[in-house]
């Protein structure tokens, strides 16, 4: 029975609460001097940890903004490809002009770039799309200028969000404090409580054995959250790549 040091703060907080609550639910355990002293320490450390995570500002996700700009990029690219296949020379030439700029910066693969690299690439495309020549050519490809404006607006929103996510010194200290406290509580639980309960589960009976079983269930549940988180992260990245591939296939 051992809790992982890689638990998210919210998962660790739930684990700490469950251990303290299970202990308190068994009145006879107050007579166990070993547990009484150490669970008192756990309770104090738990309260400090909970206070520290409340003071740390949560990081805002950029996933929704990234999906928004990907949507506009894919629609803009598909529209330009459509215009490029027309027989009207002026429209075909205008579409080719914008597609050349986009393709020079990576083409359809732009939306599969890492967040910050994609932001920088789109800023470069926006600069070229803002020339007087580009403004004139937009008149030949109706609807594309509006899509470009929405794309670049979404990209600027993403850029602003990235800046906001850069933690201030105070936020960094708060997060570091909560991380250190989490590790401290987990280490104490593993070495002083869980190792004892693992022995008690097989050697003792009554409420101590029940508490040991409850603790083991709570630990296993907390540890299981790590693999779920890793699978979710991998799925999100795979989905982004698949979306880019779908848009590429649709454009073709």
Protein backbone atom coordinates (compact mmCIF):
# COMPACT_ATOMS: atom_id res chain seq x y z
CA UNK A 1 0.00 0.00 0.00
CA UNK A 2 1.75 3.12 -1.24
CA UNK A 3 0.40 6.35 -2.72
CA UNK A 4 2.13 7.75 -5.79
CA UNK A 5 3.94 11.10 -5.56
CA UNK A 6 2.50 11.99 -8.99
CA UNK A 7 -1.08 12.52 -7.83
CA UNK A 8 -2.77 15.73 -8.95
CA UNK A 9 -3.42 18.19 -6.10
CA UNK A 10 -7.19 17.62 -6.25
CA UNK A 11 -6.77 13.83 -6.12
CA UNK A 12 -4.27 14.07 -3.27
CA UNK A 13 -6.65 16.36 -1.35
CA UNK A 14 -9.47 13.82 -1.72
CA UNK A 15 -7.18 11.00 -0.56
CA UNK A 16 -6.06 12.96 2.52
CA UNK A 17 -9.67 13.78 3.42
CA UNK A 18 -10.76 10.16 3.03
CA UNK A 19 -7.94 8.82 5.22
CA UNK A 20 -8.69 11.30 8.00
CA UNK A 21 -12.44 10.67 7.76
CA UNK A 22 -12.06 6.88 7.80
CA UNK A 23 -9.81 7.11 10.85
CA UNK A 24 -12.28 9.37 12.69
CA UNK A 25 -15.17 6.97 11.94
CA UNK A 26 -13.58 4.24 14.09
CA UNK A 27 -13.78 5.39 17.71
CA UNK A 28 -11.65 2.55 19.09
CA UNK A 29 -8.64 3.68 17.01
CA UNK A 30 -8.24 6.66 19.38
CA UNK A 31 -6.87 4.13 21.88
CA UNK A 32 -4.05 3.22 19.48
CA UNK A 33 -1.25 5.56 20.63
CA UNK A 34 0.83 5.01 17.51
CA UNK A 35 -2.00 5.99 15.13
CA UNK A 36 -3.40 8.75 17.34
CA UNK A 37 -0.12 10.68 17.34
CA UNK A 38 0.60 10.24 13.63
CA UNK A 39 -2.95 10.87 12.40
CA UNK A 40 -2.84 14.12 14.35
CA UNK A 41 0.20 15.11 12.30
CA UNK A 42 -1.52 14.04 9.07
CA UNK A 43 -4.58 16.14 9.91
CA UNK A 44 -2.46 19.25 10.51
CA UNK A 45 -0.43 18.78 7.34
CA UNK A 46 -3.61 18.12 5.35
CA UNK A 47 -5.14 21.43 6.46
CA UNK A 48 -1.98 23.31 5.45
CA UNK A 49 -2.01 21.63 2.05
CA UNK A 50 -5.69 22.41 1.41
CA UNK A 51 -5.07 26.06 2.30
CA UNK A 52 -2.11 26.21 -0.09
CA UNK A 53 -4.00 24.86 -3.12
CA UNK A 54 -6.79 27.36 -2.57
CA UNK A 55 -4.26 30.19 -2.86
CA UNK A 56 -2.74 28.83 -6.09
CA UNK A 57 -4.53 30.16 -9.19
CA UNK A 58 -5.66 27.36 -11.53
CA UNK A 59 -4.16 27.36 -15.02
CA UNK A 60 -6.61 28.23 -17.78
CA UNK A 61 -6.89 25.68 -20.54
CA UNK A 62 -6.06 26.76 -24.10
CA UNK A 63 -7.79 23.81 -25.75
CA UNK A 64 -11.05 25.63 -26.59
CA UNK A 65 -9.26 28.62 -28.14
CA UNK A 66 -7.04 26.29 -30.15
CA UNK A 67 -10.10 24.48 -31.54
CA UNK A 68 -11.66 27.81 -32.46
CA UNK A 69 -8.74 29.01 -34.55
CA UNK A 70 -8.34 25.55 -36.13
CA UNK A 71 -11.99 25.72 -37.20
CA UNK A 72 -11.53 29.08 -38.94
CA UNK A 73 -8.23 28.05 -40.51
CA UNK A 74 -9.72 24.88 -41.98
CA UNK A 75 -12.71 26.76 -43.37
CA UNK A 76 -10.53 29.49 -44.82
CA UNK A 77 -8.20 26.96 -46.46
CA UNK A 78 -11.11 24.95 -47.89
CA UNK A 79 -12.74 28.13 -49.27
CA UNK A 80 -9.52 29.24 -50.94
CA UNK A 81 -9.06 25.78 -52.46
CA UNK A 82 -12.56 26.03 -53.83
CA UNK A 83 -11.89 29.41 -55.44
CA UNK A 84 -8.61 28.12 -56.87
CA UNK A 85 -10.50 25.54 -58.94
CA UNK A 86 -12.85 28.05 -60.57
CA UNK A 87 -12.57 29.02 -64.22
CA UNK A 88 -12.77 32.75 -63.42
CA UNK A 89 -9.14 33.79 -63.69
CA UNK A 90 -9.26 36.75 -61.27
CA UNK A 91 -10.72 34.60 -58.48
CA UNK A 92 -8.41 31.71 -59.23
CA UNK A 93 -5.39 34.03 -59.13
CA UNK A 94 -6.48 35.65 -55.84
CA UNK A 95 -6.99 32.27 -54.18
CA UNK A 96 -3.58 31.09 -55.39
CA UNK A 97 -2.03 34.23 -53.91
CA UNK A 98 -3.34 33.48 -50.40
CA UNK A 99 -2.69 29.75 -50.65
CA UNK A 100 0.93 30.44 -51.58
CA UNK A 101 1.35 32.48 -48.40
CA UNK A 102 -0.24 29.78 -46.23
CA UNK A 103 1.71 26.95 -47.88
CA UNK A 104 4.96 28.85 -47.44
CA UNK A 105 4.28 28.84 -43.67
CA UNK A 106 3.47 25.13 -43.47
CA UNK A 107 0.16 24.80 -45.26
CA UNK A 108 -2.49 22.55 -43.73
CA UNK A 109 -0.03 21.36 -41.09
CA UNK A 110 -0.19 24.73 -39.31
CA UNK A 111 -3.00 23.58 -37.00
CA UNK A 112 -1.02 20.53 -35.85
CA UNK A 113 1.90 22.64 -34.61
CA UNK A 114 2.53 23.10 -30.87
CA UNK A 115 0.37 25.89 -29.40
CA UNK A 116 2.97 28.67 -29.27
CA UNK A 117 4.53 27.78 -32.63
CA UNK A 118 1.10 27.83 -34.25
CA UNK A 119 0.42 31.25 -32.72
CA UNK A 120 3.68 32.64 -34.11
CA UNK A 121 3.06 31.14 -37.57
CA UNK A 122 -0.44 32.60 -37.80
CA UNK A 123 0.87 36.03 -36.77
CA UNK A 124 3.30 35.85 -39.69
CA UNK A 125 0.48 34.88 -42.08
CA UNK A 126 -1.67 37.71 -40.71
CA UNK A 127 1.09 40.22 -41.46
CA UNK A 128 1.22 39.15 -45.11
CA UNK A 129 -2.56 39.10 -45.36
CA UNK A 130 -2.61 42.75 -44.22
CA UNK A 131 -0.75 44.17 -47.22
CA UNK A 132 -2.48 46.49 -49.70
CA UNK A 133 -2.15 43.83 -52.38
CA UNK A 134 -3.89 41.29 -50.16
CA UNK A 135 -6.73 43.70 -49.37
CA UNK A 136 -7.36 44.13 -53.09
CA UNK A 137 -7.33 40.40 -53.77
CA UNK A 138 -9.77 39.67 -50.94
CA UNK A 139 -12.46 41.36 -53.08
CA UNK A 140 -12.19 38.45 -55.52
CA UNK A 141 -12.72 35.72 -52.91
CA UNK A 142 -15.92 36.65 -51.11
CA UNK A 143 -16.21 35.49 -47.52
CA UNK A 144 -12.51 34.71 -47.14
CA UNK A 145 -11.61 38.06 -45.62
CA UNK A 146 -14.22 37.56 -42.88
CA UNK A 147 -12.90 34.06 -42.19
CA UNK A 148 -9.34 35.40 -42.03
CA UNK A 149 -10.40 38.12 -39.57
CA UNK A 150 -12.07 35.53 -37.32
CA UNK A 151 -9.01 33.28 -37.56
CA UNK A 152 -6.63 36.05 -36.56
CA UNK A 153 -8.96 37.24 -33.77
CA UNK A 154 -8.99 33.71 -32.36
CA UNK A 155 -5.21 33.59 -32.65
CA UNK A 156 -4.81 36.85 -30.74
CA UNK A 157 -7.15 35.50 -28.06
CA UNK A 158 -4.90 32.44 -27.84
CA UNK A 159 -1.84 34.66 -27.56
CA UNK A 160 -3.43 36.68 -24.74
CA UNK A 161 -4.41 33.49 -22.96
CA UNK A 162 -0.84 32.22 -23.19
CA UNK A 163 0.43 35.44 -21.59
CA UNK A 164 -2.14 35.17 -18.79
CA UNK A 165 -1.01 31.62 -18.14
CA UNK A 166 2.52 32.75 -17.42
CA UNK A 167 2.55 32.54 -13.65
CA UNK A 168 3.55 35.51 -11.53
CA UNK A 169 6.23 35.03 -8.89
CA UNK A 170 3.56 34.84 -6.20
CA UNK A 171 1.63 32.18 -8.12
CA UNK A 172 4.79 30.18 -8.68
CA UNK A 173 5.54 30.27 -4.96
CA UNK A 174 1.98 29.21 -4.12
CA UNK A 175 2.12 26.28 -6.52
CA UNK A 176 5.57 25.26 -5.30
CA UNK A 177 4.34 25.43 -1.71
CA UNK A 178 1.33 23.20 -2.44
CA UNK A 179 3.48 20.74 -4.40
CA UNK A 180 6.03 20.48 -1.60
CA UNK A 181 3.30 20.07 1.02
CA UNK A 182 1.61 17.37 -1.06
CA UNK A 183 4.86 15.42 -1.31
CA UNK A 184 5.45 15.90 2.42
CA UNK A 185 2.01 14.54 3.37
CA UNK A 186 2.28 11.64 0.91
CA UNK A 187 5.73 10.68 2.18
CA UNK A 188 4.51 10.80 5.79
CA UNK A 189 1.44 8.71 4.99
CA UNK A 190 3.47 6.12 3.07
CA UNK A 191 6.18 5.77 5.70
CA UNK A 192 4.24 6.25 8.93
CA UNK A 193 0.65 5.21 8.24
CA UNK A 194 0.30 3.00 5.16
CA UNK A 195 3.24 0.75 5.98
CA UNK A 196 1.76 0.22 9.45
CA UNK A 197 -1.72 -0.44 8.04
CA UNK A 198 -0.34 -2.95 5.52
CA UNK A 199 1.04 -4.91 8.45
CA UNK A 200 -2.15 -4.45 10.50
CA UNK A 201 -4.36 -5.68 7.67
CA UNK A 202 -2.81 -9.14 7.88
CA UNK A 203 -1.91 -9.20 11.57
CA UNK A 204 -4.73 -7.46 13.40
CA UNK A 205 -8.51 -7.64 13.38
CA UNK A 206 -11.39 -5.36 14.40
CA UNK A 207 -11.62 -1.71 13.40
CA UNK A 208 -7.88 -1.44 12.70
CA UNK A 209 -8.17 -4.06 9.93
CA UNK A 210 -11.28 -2.33 8.59
CA UNK A 211 -9.44 1.01 8.52
CA UNK A 212 -6.54 -0.66 6.74
CA UNK A 213 -8.90 -1.99 4.04
CA UNK A 214 -10.55 1.41 3.63
CA UNK A 215 -7.17 3.10 3.30
CA UNK A 216 -6.01 0.59 0.69
CA UNK A 217 -9.14 1.19 -1.40
CA UNK A 218 -8.63 4.97 -1.21
CA UNK A 219 -4.95 4.66 -2.21
CA UNK A 220 -5.71 2.35 -5.14
CA UNK A 221 -8.40 4.70 -6.40
CA UNK A 222 -6.06 7.68 -6.20
CA UNK A 223 -3.24 5.85 -7.98
CA UNK A 224 -5.61 4.71 -10.74
CA UNK A 225 -6.31 8.36 -11.62
CA UNK A 226 -2.76 8.73 -12.96
CA UNK A 227 -3.17 6.21 -15.79
CA UNK A 228 -6.57 7.71 -16.64
CA UNK A 229 -5.00 11.17 -16.86
CA UNK A 230 -2.21 9.92 -19.10
CA UNK A 231 -4.69 8.20 -21.43
CA UNK A 232 -6.82 11.36 -21.59
CA UNK A 233 -3.80 13.51 -22.45
CA UNK A 234 -2.69 11.09 -25.16
CA UNK A 235 -6.24 11.00 -26.59
CA UNK A 236 -6.42 14.80 -26.74
CA UNK A 237 -3.17 15.01 -28.70
CA UNK A 238 -4.28 12.22 -31.03
CA UNK A 239 -7.61 14.00 -31.61
CA UNK A 240 -5.81 17.20 -32.58
CA UNK A 241 -3.67 15.39 -35.14
CA UNK A 242 -6.72 13.52 -36.50
CA UNK A 243 -8.67 16.79 -36.85
CA UNK A 244 -5.80 18.26 -38.84
CA UNK A 245 -5.68 15.17 -41.06
CA UNK A 246 -9.44 15.27 -41.62
CA UNK A 247 -9.31 18.91 -42.68
CA UNK A 248 -6.39 18.09 -44.97
CA UNK A 249 -8.33 15.26 -46.60
CA UNK A 250 -11.45 17.44 -46.93
CA UNK A 251 -9.44 20.21 -48.56
CA UNK A 252 -8.00 17.74 -51.02
